[in-house]
């Protein structure tokens, strides 16, 4: 039972990292200043961190005996 719950949490966390990471990259803007490209991100990184915590929790639950 723990392995199933841990697997679901880890998989959901991984999907969240991929999805919110893609959104974060899409929300970045780039402009040129003094001949160099400058990228400014307007995205929210909090969902990525929460997804990573959920994924790590899932891996820990899976590995517990």
PDB file of N, CA and C in Angstrom:
ATOM      1  N   UNK A   1       0.827  -1.192   0.000  1.00  0.00           N
ATOM      2  CA  UNK A   1       0.000   0.000   0.000  1.00  0.00           C
ATOM      3  C   UNK A   1       0.867   1.251   0.000  1.00  0.00           C
ATOM      4  N   UNK A   2       1.953   1.247   0.798  1.00  0.00           N
ATOM      5  CA  UNK A   2       2.833   2.409   0.857  1.00  0.00           C
ATOM      6  C   UNK A   2       3.522   2.644  -0.482  1.00  0.00           C
ATOM      7  N   UNK A   3       3.890   1.555  -1.158  1.00  0.00           N
ATOM      8  CA  UNK A   3       4.567   1.703  -2.450  1.00  0.00           C
ATOM      9  C   UNK A   3       3.625   2.317  -3.487  1.00  0.00           C
ATOM     10  N   UNK A   4       2.360   1.955  -3.428  1.00  0.00           N
ATOM     11  CA  UNK A   4       1.393   2.505  -4.373  1.00  0.00           C
ATOM     12  C   UNK A   4       1.192   4.005  -4.135  1.00  0.00           C
ATOM     13  N   UNK A   5       0.985   4.378  -2.879  1.00  0.00           N
ATOM     14  CA  UNK A   5       0.798   5.788  -2.545  1.00  0.00           C
ATOM     15  C   UNK A   5       2.060   6.586  -2.863  1.00  0.00           C
ATOM     16  N   UNK A   6       3.205   6.042  -2.517  1.00  0.00           N
ATOM     17  CA  UNK A   6       4.464   6.716  -2.825  1.00  0.00           C
ATOM     18  C   UNK A   6       4.686   6.876  -4.311  1.00  0.00           C
ATOM     19  N   UNK A   7       4.333   5.864  -5.081  1.00  0.00           N
ATOM     20  CA  UNK A   7       4.468   5.951  -6.530  1.00  0.00           C
ATOM     21  C   UNK A   7       3.556   6.998  -7.137  1.00  0.00           C
ATOM     22  N   UNK A   8       2.343   7.080  -6.619  1.00  0.00           N
ATOM     23  CA  UNK A   8       1.402   8.091  -7.100  1.00  0.00           C
ATOM     24  C   UNK A   8       1.909   9.489  -6.775  1.00  0.00           C
ATOM     25  N   UNK A   9       2.394   9.672  -5.547  1.00  0.00           N
ATOM     26  CA  UNK A   9       2.930  10.983  -5.163  1.00  0.00           C
ATOM     27  C   UNK A   9       4.157  11.347  -5.997  1.00  0.00           C
ATOM     28  N   UNK A  10       5.061  10.407  -6.180  1.00  0.00           N
ATOM     29  CA  UNK A  10       6.270  10.678  -6.956  1.00  0.00           C
ATOM     30  C   UNK A  10       5.927  10.983  -8.412  1.00  0.00           C
ATOM     31  N   UNK A  11       5.018  10.209  -8.995  1.00  0.00           N
ATOM     32  CA  UNK A  11       4.611  10.455 -10.377  1.00  0.00           C
ATOM     33  C   UNK A  11       3.897  11.786 -10.540  1.00  0.00           C
ATOM     34  N   UNK A  12       3.026  12.101  -9.613  1.00  0.00           N
ATOM     35  CA  UNK A  12       2.324  13.385  -9.658  1.00  0.00           C
ATOM     36  C   UNK A  12       3.271  14.558  -9.487  1.00  0.00           C
ATOM     37  N   UNK A  13       4.236  14.394  -8.590  1.00  0.00           N
ATOM     38  CA  UNK A  13       5.229  15.448  -8.404  1.00  0.00           C
ATOM     39  C   UNK A  13       6.076  15.659  -9.645  1.00  0.00           C
ATOM     40  N   UNK A  14       6.453  14.569 -10.302  1.00  0.00           N
ATOM     41  CA  UNK A  14       7.241  14.671 -11.531  1.00  0.00           C
ATOM     42  C   UNK A  14       6.442  15.348 -12.637  1.00  0.00           C
ATOM     43  N   UNK A  15       5.176  14.962 -12.777  1.00  0.00           N
ATOM     44  CA  UNK A  15       4.326  15.613 -13.773  1.00  0.00           C
ATOM     45  C   UNK A  15       4.148  17.099 -13.470  1.00  0.00           C
ATOM     46  N   UNK A  16       4.029  17.436 -12.188  1.00  0.00           N
ATOM     47  CA  UNK A  16       3.908  18.835 -11.796  1.00  0.00           C
ATOM     48  C   UNK A  16       5.166  19.627 -12.121  1.00  0.00           C
ATOM     49  N   UNK A  17       6.327  19.034 -11.882  1.00  0.00           N
ATOM     50  CA  UNK A  17       7.581  19.709 -12.210  1.00  0.00           C
ATOM     51  C   UNK A  17       7.669  19.962 -13.708  1.00  0.00           C
ATOM     52  N   UNK A  18       7.310  18.970 -14.503  1.00  0.00           N
ATOM     53  CA  UNK A  18       7.375  19.130 -15.961  1.00  0.00           C
ATOM     54  C   UNK A  18       6.389  20.204 -16.424  1.00  0.00           C
ATOM     55  N   UNK A  19       5.155  20.123 -15.965  1.00  0.00           N
ATOM     56  CA  UNK A  19       4.121  21.057 -16.413  1.00  0.00           C
ATOM     57  C   UNK A  19       4.424  22.489 -15.970  1.00  0.00           C
ATOM     58  N   UNK A  20       4.670  22.682 -14.674  1.00  0.00           N
ATOM     59  CA  UNK A  20       4.911  24.028 -14.171  1.00  0.00           C
ATOM     60  C   UNK A  20       6.269  24.571 -14.629  1.00  0.00           C
ATOM     61  N   UNK A  21       7.237  23.692 -14.850  1.00  0.00           N
ATOM     62  CA  UNK A  21       8.511  24.128 -15.406  1.00  0.00           C
ATOM     63  C   UNK A  21       8.345  24.652 -16.815  1.00  0.00           C
ATOM     64  N   UNK A  22       7.534  23.983 -17.618  1.00  0.00           N
ATOM     65  CA  UNK A  22       7.253  24.444 -18.973  1.00  0.00           C
ATOM     66  C   UNK A  22       6.549  25.797 -18.945  1.00  0.00           C
ATOM     67  N   UNK A  23       5.573  25.946 -18.059  1.00  0.00           N
ATOM     68  CA  UNK A  23       4.880  27.227 -17.929  1.00  0.00           C
ATOM     69  C   UNK A  23       5.839  28.327 -17.505  1.00  0.00           C
ATOM     70  N   UNK A  24       6.756  28.017 -16.596  1.00  0.00           N
ATOM     71  CA  UNK A  24       7.727  28.996 -16.115  1.00  0.00           C
ATOM     72  C   UNK A  24       8.626  29.462 -17.253  1.00  0.00           C
ATOM     73  N   UNK A  25       9.048  28.531 -18.087  1.00  0.00           N
ATOM     74  CA  UNK A  25       9.901  28.886 -19.221  1.00  0.00           C
ATOM     75  C   UNK A  25       9.121  29.728 -20.230  1.00  0.00           C
ATOM     76  N   UNK A  26       7.858  29.403 -20.445  1.00  0.00           N
ATOM     77  CA  UNK A  26       7.049  30.156 -21.398  1.00  0.00           C
ATOM     78  C   UNK A  26       6.764  31.578 -20.929  1.00  0.00           C
ATOM     79  N   UNK A  27       6.801  31.816 -19.632  1.00  0.00           N
ATOM     80  CA  UNK A  27       6.514  33.142 -19.085  1.00  0.00           C
ATOM     81  C   UNK A  27       7.747  34.028 -18.989  1.00  0.00           C
ATOM     82  N   UNK A  28       8.852  33.617 -19.563  1.00  0.00           N
ATOM     83  CA  UNK A  28      10.047  34.453 -19.523  1.00  0.00           C
ATOM     84  C   UNK A  28      10.089  35.354 -20.739  1.00  0.00           C
ATOM     85  N   UNK A  29      10.659  36.524 -20.551  1.00  0.00           N
ATOM     86  CA  UNK A  29      10.782  37.492 -21.626  1.00  0.00           C
ATOM     87  C   UNK A  29      12.256  37.777 -21.845  1.00  0.00           C
ATOM     88  N   UNK A  30      12.607  38.061 -23.081  1.00  0.00           N
ATOM     89  CA  UNK A  30      13.993  38.323 -23.423  1.00  0.00           C
ATOM     90  C   UNK A  30      14.083  39.644 -24.179  1.00  0.00           C
ATOM     91  N   UNK A  31      15.122  40.418 -23.861  1.00  0.00           N
ATOM     92  CA  UNK A  31      15.364  41.653 -24.590  1.00  0.00           C
ATOM     93  C   UNK A  31      16.873  41.857 -24.701  1.00  0.00           C
ATOM     94  N   UNK A  32      17.248  42.762 -25.569  1.00  0.00           N
ATOM     95  CA  UNK A  32      18.668  42.993 -25.808  1.00  0.00           C
ATOM     96  C   UNK A  32      19.077  44.313 -25.167  1.00  0.00           C
ATOM     97  N   UNK A  33      20.175  44.252 -24.405  1.00  0.00           N
ATOM     98  CA  UNK A  33      20.707  45.453 -23.765  1.00  0.00           C
ATOM     99  C   UNK A  33      22.223  45.463 -23.936  1.00  0.00           C
ATOM    100  N   UNK A  34      22.745  46.504 -24.553  1.00  0.00           N
ATOM    101  CA  UNK A  34      24.182  46.659 -24.786  1.00  0.00           C
ATOM    102  C   UNK A  34      24.780  45.481 -25.543  1.00  0.00           C
ATOM    103  N   UNK A  35      24.035  44.935 -26.480  1.00  0.00           N
ATOM    104  CA  UNK A  35      24.517  43.836 -27.301  1.00  0.00           C
ATOM    105  C   UNK A  35      24.395  42.461 -26.681  1.00  0.00           C
ATOM    106  N   UNK A  36      23.818  42.358 -25.500  1.00  0.00           N
ATOM    107  CA  UNK A  36      23.656  41.061 -24.840  1.00  0.00           C
ATOM    108  C   UNK A  36      22.165  40.789 -24.629  1.00  0.00           C
ATOM    109  N   UNK A  37      21.780  39.539 -24.802  1.00  0.00           N
ATOM    110  CA  UNK A  37      20.397  39.154 -24.537  1.00  0.00           C
ATOM    111  C   UNK A  37      20.191  38.986 -23.040  1.00  0.00           C
ATOM    112  N   UNK A  38      19.159  39.625 -22.524  1.00  0.00           N
ATOM    113  CA  UNK A  38      18.828  39.542 -21.102  1.00  0.00           C
ATOM    114  C   UNK A  38      17.464  38.880 -20.998  1.00  0.00           C
ATOM    115  N   UNK A  39      17.372  37.830 -20.189  1.00  0.00           N
ATOM    116  CA  UNK A  39      16.110  37.119 -19.989  1.00  0.00           C
ATOM    117  C   UNK A  39      15.553  37.441 -18.609  1.00  0.00           C
ATOM    118  N   UNK A  40      14.311  37.842 -18.584  1.00  0.00           N
ATOM    119  CA  UNK A  40      13.634  38.154 -17.332  1.00  0.00           C
ATOM    120  C   UNK A  40      12.442  37.217 -17.213  1.00  0.00           C
ATOM    121  N   UNK A  41      12.360  36.508 -16.107  1.00  0.00           N
ATOM    122  CA  UNK A  41      11.268  35.570 -15.921  1.00  0.00           C
ATOM    123  C   UNK A  41      10.160  36.224 -15.113  1.00  0.00           C
ATOM    124  N   UNK A  42       8.959  36.140 -15.633  1.00  0.00           N
ATOM    125  CA  UNK A  42       7.799  36.659 -14.919  1.00  0.00           C
ATOM    126  C   UNK A  42       6.953  35.520 -14.356  1.00  0.00           C
ATOM    127  N   UNK A  43       7.457  34.303 -14.454  1.00  0.00           N
ATOM    128  CA  UNK A  43       6.725  33.134 -13.993  1.00  0.00           C
ATOM    129  C   UNK A  43       6.801  32.956 -12.484  1.00  0.00           C
ATOM    130  N   UNK A  44       5.947  32.106 -11.977  1.00  0.00           N
ATOM    131  CA  UNK A  44       5.896  31.799 -10.552  1.00  0.00           C
ATOM    132  C   UNK A  44       6.599  30.469 -10.315  1.00  0.00           C
ATOM    133  N   UNK A  45       7.607  30.458  -9.469  1.00  0.00           N
ATOM    134  CA  UNK A  45       8.388  29.253  -9.226  1.00  0.00           C
ATOM    135  C   UNK A  45       7.871  28.434  -8.045  1.00  0.00           C
ATOM    136  N   UNK A  46       6.918  28.925  -7.298  1.00  0.00           N
ATOM    137  CA  UNK A  46       6.409  28.229  -6.114  1.00  0.00           C
ATOM    138  C   UNK A  46       5.773  26.876  -6.470  1.00  0.00           C
ATOM    139  N   UNK A  47       4.960  26.755  -7.528  1.00  0.00           N
ATOM    140  CA  UNK A  47       4.410  25.441  -7.860  1.00  0.00           C
ATOM    141  C   UNK A  47       5.484  24.405  -8.203  1.00  0.00           C
ATOM    142  N   UNK A  48       6.603  24.850  -8.758  1.00  0.00           N
ATOM    143  CA  UNK A  48       7.695  23.930  -9.072  1.00  0.00           C
ATOM    144  C   UNK A  48       8.287  23.384  -7.776  1.00  0.00           C
ATOM    145  N   UNK A  49       8.485  24.254  -6.792  1.00  0.00           N
ATOM    146  CA  UNK A  49       9.037  23.817  -5.509  1.00  0.00           C
ATOM    147  C   UNK A  49       8.075  22.868  -4.805  1.00  0.00           C
ATOM    148  N   UNK A  50       6.781  23.183  -4.825  1.00  0.00           N
ATOM    149  CA  UNK A  50       5.787  22.310  -4.182  1.00  0.00           C
ATOM    150  C   UNK A  50       5.762  20.951  -4.870  1.00  0.00           C
ATOM    151  N   UNK A  51       5.837  20.932  -6.204  1.00  0.00           N
ATOM    152  CA  UNK A  51       5.854  19.661  -6.931  1.00  0.00           C
ATOM    153  C   UNK A  51       7.093  18.843  -6.583  1.00  0.00           C
ATOM    154  N   UNK A  52       8.229  19.520  -6.436  1.00  0.00           N
ATOM    155  CA  UNK A  52       9.457  18.818  -6.067  1.00  0.00           C
ATOM    156  C   UNK A  52       9.344  18.217  -4.662  1.00  0.00           C
ATOM    157  N   UNK A  53       8.746  18.954  -3.745  1.00  0.00           N
ATOM    158  CA  UNK A  53       8.559  18.436  -2.374  1.00  0.00           C
ATOM    159  C   UNK A  53       7.639  17.227  -2.389  1.00  0.00           C
ATOM    160  N   UNK A  54       6.562  17.276  -3.173  1.00  0.00           N
ATOM    161  CA  UNK A  54       5.639  16.143  -3.267  1.00  0.00           C
ATOM    162  C   UNK A  54       6.349  14.938  -3.869  1.00  0.00           C
ATOM    163  N   UNK A  55       7.180  15.166  -4.886  1.00  0.00           N
ATOM    164  CA  UNK A  55       7.907  14.061  -5.502  1.00  0.00           C
ATOM    165  C   UNK A  55       8.884  13.422  -4.520  1.00  0.00           C
ATOM    166  N   UNK A  56       9.612  14.249  -3.777  1.00  0.00           N
ATOM    167  CA  UNK A  56      10.558  13.720  -2.794  1.00  0.00           C
ATOM    168  C   UNK A  56       9.809  12.970  -1.698  1.00  0.00           C
ATOM    169  N   UNK A  57       8.674  13.495  -1.266  1.00  0.00           N
ATOM    170  CA  UNK A  57       7.877  12.798  -0.254  1.00  0.00           C
ATOM    171  C   UNK A  57       7.406  11.445  -0.777  1.00  0.00           C
ATOM    172  N   UNK A  58       7.016  11.395  -2.040  1.00  0.00           N
ATOM    173  CA  UNK A  58       6.610  10.124  -2.629  1.00  0.00           C
ATOM    174  C   UNK A  58       7.743   9.111  -2.674  1.00  0.00           C
ATOM    175  N   UNK A  59       8.929   9.574  -3.004  1.00  0.00           N
ATOM    176  CA  UNK A  59      10.090   8.669  -3.028  1.00  0.00           C
ATOM    177  C   UNK A  59      10.407   8.181  -1.617  1.00  0.00           C
ATOM    178  N   UNK A  60      10.306   9.061  -0.629  1.00  0.00           N
ATOM    179  CA  UNK A  60      10.584   8.664   0.761  1.00  0.00           C
ATOM    180  C   UNK A  60       9.554   7.659   1.244  1.00  0.00           C
ATOM    181  N   UNK A  61       8.269   7.893   0.920  1.00  0.00           N
ATOM    182  CA  UNK A  61       7.226   6.946   1.337  1.00  0.00           C
ATOM    183  C   UNK A  61       7.439   5.597   0.669  1.00  0.00           C
ATOM    184  N   UNK A  62       7.859   5.601  -0.587  1.00  0.00           N
ATOM    185  CA  UNK A  62       8.114   4.353  -1.290  1.00  0.00           C
ATOM    186  C   UNK A  62       9.260   3.574  -0.668  1.00  0.00           C
ATOM    187  N   UNK A  63      10.289   4.266  -0.222  1.00  0.00           N
ATOM    188  CA  UNK A  63      11.479   3.602   0.328  1.00  0.00           C
ATOM    189  C   UNK A  63      11.328   3.195   1.796  1.00  0.00           C
ATOM    190  N   UNK A  64      10.299   3.700   2.486  1.00  0.00           N
ATOM    191  CA  UNK A  64      10.122   3.356   3.892  1.00  0.00           C
ATOM    192  C   UNK A  64       9.751   1.891   4.051  1.00  0.00           C
ATOM    193  N   UNK A  65      10.196   1.311   5.133  1.00  0.00           N
ATOM    194  CA  UNK A  65       9.856  -0.089   5.409  1.00  0.00           C
ATOM    195  C   UNK A  65       8.884  -0.184   6.541  1.00  0.00           C
TER     196      UNK A  65
END
